[in-house]
Amino acid sequence: MKIGQFGRWDATLGYAVVDERTMRASAGLMLLLGVIAMINGFVLSNYEVIPYISGFMMTNFLIGIFVNLEWAPTYFIAKRIVAKQTPLYIGAVQKRFAWGLGLLLTTGVFVLSFFLLQDVSYFENVCSLCLWCTIFVYLESAFGICVGCKLYFLAIRLRLLKEPEIRPNCMGDACEVK
């Protein structure tokens, strides 16, 4: 894979693909980190852990989107965990969009968490973003529902994004462009 590549090119399909099993396992690892952050911050009132976890997740998304998906820490670990399973390839374009949404949310949590350390009034803002992040990765890892993918195809239907020439497939053909 080259720098900036998200997924691998599949010449027979005509678009880049990612392994859905690895993506779901990666989401499961991010869910675990999110739950650790939420328990520390919102149950134990230990806000100091939130910038570290959100910073790690933000870096994970940055590496996956802009450097190479294979080098993103959660994807790298997840790929080893599901190595013996048969890959289930789906379109990469909508997953990249979903990871972009994850990058926005985790960047928001990361930035706001520094204010939270000094002023607890930012608690609700950080809590809201953390909750959305956790819900999204839970839906992905538990049910295979990619909210970012759904938003990607909604943006295409609303003509906010250009419709791709070749329709990428999704898990169970749940978000195929029509």
Protein backbone atom coordinates (compact mmCIF):
# COMPACT_ATOMS: atom_id res chain seq x y z
CA MET A 1 0.00 0.00 0.00
CA LYS A 2 1.19 3.49 -0.73
CA ILE A 3 1.07 6.57 1.49
CA GLY A 4 -2.43 7.99 1.87
CA GLN A 5 -4.12 4.80 0.69
CA PHE A 6 -7.22 3.72 2.58
CA GLY A 7 -7.85 0.06 1.81
CA ARG A 8 -6.48 -1.96 -1.06
CA TRP A 9 -7.42 -1.58 -4.71
CA ASP A 10 -9.45 -4.46 -6.09
CA ALA A 11 -9.07 -4.52 -9.87
CA THR A 12 -11.99 -6.93 -10.38
CA LEU A 13 -14.40 -4.64 -8.50
CA GLY A 14 -12.88 -1.37 -9.72
CA TYR A 15 -12.64 0.32 -6.33
CA ALA A 16 -10.69 0.20 -3.07
CA VAL A 17 -11.86 -2.29 -0.44
CA VAL A 18 -11.30 -2.93 3.26
CA ASP A 19 -11.89 -6.05 5.31
CA GLU A 20 -15.15 -5.58 7.21
CA ARG A 21 -14.11 -8.05 9.90
CA THR A 22 -10.95 -6.06 10.62
CA MET A 23 -12.88 -2.77 10.63
CA ARG A 24 -15.40 -4.17 13.13
CA ALA A 25 -12.61 -5.51 15.35
CA SER A 26 -10.92 -2.11 15.17
CA ALA A 27 -14.22 -0.49 16.21
CA GLY A 28 -14.41 -2.95 19.10
CA LEU A 29 -10.96 -1.87 20.29
CA MET A 30 -12.00 1.78 20.04
CA LEU A 31 -15.18 0.95 21.97
CA LEU A 32 -13.07 -0.53 24.75
CA LEU A 33 -10.95 2.64 24.88
CA GLY A 34 -14.06 4.83 24.84
CA VAL A 35 -15.64 2.92 27.72
CA ILE A 36 -12.40 3.22 29.72
CA ALA A 37 -12.38 6.99 29.09
CA MET A 38 -16.05 7.39 30.00
CA ILE A 39 -15.77 5.36 33.19
CA ASN A 40 -12.70 7.30 34.28
CA GLY A 41 -14.13 10.69 33.41
CA PHE A 42 -17.79 10.40 34.11
CA VAL A 43 -17.98 7.81 36.88
CA LEU A 44 -14.68 8.28 38.71
CA SER A 45 -14.31 12.02 37.88
CA ASN A 46 -10.76 11.32 36.69
CA TYR A 47 -10.65 13.64 33.68
CA GLU A 48 -6.89 13.35 33.18
CA VAL A 49 -7.23 10.11 31.21
CA ILE A 50 -9.59 11.59 28.59
CA PRO A 51 -6.98 13.66 26.67
CA TYR A 52 -4.70 10.63 26.42
CA ILE A 53 -7.35 8.26 25.10
CA SER A 54 -8.98 10.81 22.79
CA GLY A 55 -5.53 11.89 21.58
CA PHE A 56 -4.64 8.29 20.81
CA MET A 57 -7.90 7.74 18.94
CA MET A 58 -7.48 11.02 17.05
CA THR A 59 -3.95 9.94 16.05
CA ASN A 60 -5.30 6.52 15.06
CA PHE A 61 -7.82 8.14 12.70
CA LEU A 62 -5.21 10.57 11.32
CA ILE A 63 -2.81 7.72 10.51
CA GLY A 64 -5.57 5.59 8.99
CA ILE A 65 -6.95 8.38 6.80
CA PHE A 66 -3.87 10.33 5.75
CA VAL A 67 -0.91 7.94 6.06
CA ASN A 68 -2.01 4.34 5.57
CA LEU A 69 -4.89 2.37 7.08
CA GLU A 70 -2.61 -0.62 7.68
CA TRP A 71 -0.49 1.49 10.05
CA ALA A 72 -3.37 2.77 12.21
CA PRO A 73 -2.81 1.16 15.64
CA THR A 74 -6.33 -0.21 16.18
CA TYR A 75 -6.50 -1.55 12.62
CA PHE A 76 -3.02 -3.07 12.93
CA ILE A 77 -3.96 -4.90 16.16
CA ALA A 78 -7.42 -5.86 14.87
CA LYS A 79 -5.91 -7.35 11.72
CA ARG A 80 -3.81 -9.70 13.85
CA ILE A 81 -6.80 -10.65 16.00
CA VAL A 82 -8.96 -11.67 13.01
CA ALA A 83 -6.07 -13.00 10.90
CA LYS A 84 -7.45 -16.54 10.70
CA GLN A 85 -10.92 -15.41 9.58
CA THR A 86 -11.83 -15.18 5.91
CA PRO A 87 -11.77 -11.52 4.81
CA LEU A 88 -15.09 -9.94 3.92
CA TYR A 89 -14.29 -7.08 1.55
CA ILE A 90 -16.47 -3.98 1.33
CA GLY A 91 -16.01 -0.57 -0.26
CA ALA A 92 -13.36 1.64 1.34
CA VAL A 93 -14.72 5.04 0.32
CA GLN A 94 -17.62 5.04 2.79
CA LYS A 95 -15.40 3.66 5.59
CA ARG A 96 -12.90 6.46 4.97
CA PHE A 97 -15.78 8.94 5.30
CA ALA A 98 -16.82 7.24 8.55
CA TRP A 99 -13.27 7.45 9.88
CA GLY A 100 -13.31 11.16 8.97
CA LEU A 101 -16.40 11.55 11.13
CA GLY A 102 -14.58 9.69 13.92
CA LEU A 103 -11.63 12.04 13.48
CA LEU A 104 -13.89 15.08 13.88
CA LEU A 105 -15.56 13.70 17.00
CA THR A 106 -12.34 12.58 18.70
CA THR A 107 -10.62 15.86 17.84
CA GLY A 108 -13.51 17.68 19.50
CA VAL A 109 -13.21 15.50 22.60
CA PHE A 110 -9.42 15.94 22.62
CA VAL A 111 -9.58 19.75 22.43
CA LEU A 112 -12.46 20.12 24.89
CA SER A 113 -10.87 17.71 27.37
CA PHE A 114 -8.05 20.17 28.00
CA PHE A 115 -10.62 22.80 28.99
CA LEU A 116 -12.39 20.19 31.12
CA LEU A 117 -9.21 19.71 33.17
CA GLN A 118 -9.38 23.37 34.17
CA ASP A 119 -13.12 24.03 34.22
CA VAL A 120 -15.71 21.31 34.88
CA SER A 121 -18.37 23.36 33.02
CA TYR A 122 -17.11 21.72 29.79
CA PHE A 123 -18.27 18.36 31.17
CA GLU A 124 -21.54 18.29 29.21
CA ASN A 125 -19.83 19.11 25.89
CA VAL A 126 -17.18 16.44 26.34
CA CYS A 127 -19.76 13.96 27.64
CA SER A 128 -22.00 14.52 24.60
CA LEU A 129 -19.18 13.96 22.10
CA CYS A 130 -17.89 10.93 24.03
CA LEU A 131 -21.36 9.47 24.11
CA TRP A 132 -21.81 9.87 20.33
CA CYS A 133 -18.39 8.33 19.67
CA THR A 134 -19.22 5.40 21.93
CA ILE A 135 -22.64 4.84 20.38
CA PHE A 136 -21.19 4.89 16.85
CA VAL A 137 -18.40 2.39 17.58
CA TYR A 138 -20.82 0.21 19.55
CA LEU A 139 -23.23 0.03 16.60
CA GLU A 140 -20.32 -0.77 14.28
CA SER A 141 -18.70 -3.43 16.43
CA ALA A 142 -21.85 -5.13 17.77
CA PHE A 143 -24.26 -4.92 14.84
CA GLY A 144 -22.15 -3.99 11.81
CA ILE A 145 -24.10 -0.73 11.44
CA CYS A 146 -21.74 1.95 10.16
CA VAL A 147 -23.38 5.30 10.94
CA GLY A 148 -20.66 7.16 9.04
CA CYS A 149 -21.34 4.97 6.00
CA LYS A 150 -25.05 5.74 6.24
CA LEU A 151 -24.26 9.47 6.43
CA TYR A 152 -21.96 9.12 3.41
CA PHE A 153 -24.73 7.66 1.28
CA LEU A 154 -27.22 10.20 2.65
CA ALA A 155 -24.83 12.98 1.54
CA ILE A 156 -24.78 11.39 -1.94
CA ARG A 157 -28.59 11.21 -2.08
CA LEU A 158 -28.78 14.87 -0.98
CA ARG A 159 -26.21 15.69 -3.69
CA LEU A 160 -23.72 17.04 -1.16
CA LEU A 161 -21.18 14.53 -2.47
CA LYS A 162 -20.69 13.28 -6.00
CA GLU A 163 -22.14 9.85 -6.69
CA PRO A 164 -19.34 7.36 -7.39
CA GLU A 165 -19.15 5.85 -10.87
CA ILE A 166 -18.98 2.35 -9.42
CA ARG A 167 -21.24 1.58 -6.47
CA PRO A 168 -19.17 0.22 -3.57
CA ASN A 169 -20.73 -2.58 -1.57
CA CYS A 170 -21.39 -2.47 2.16
CA MET A 171 -21.87 -5.08 4.83
CA GLY A 172 -24.98 -7.01 3.78
CA ASP A 173 -25.54 -4.48 0.95
CA ALA A 174 -27.12 -2.25 3.62
CA CYS A 175 -25.92 1.07 2.20
CA GLU A 176 -25.60 0.47 -1.51
CA VAL A 177 -26.10 3.54 -3.71
CA LYS A 178 -29.26 3.14 -5.77
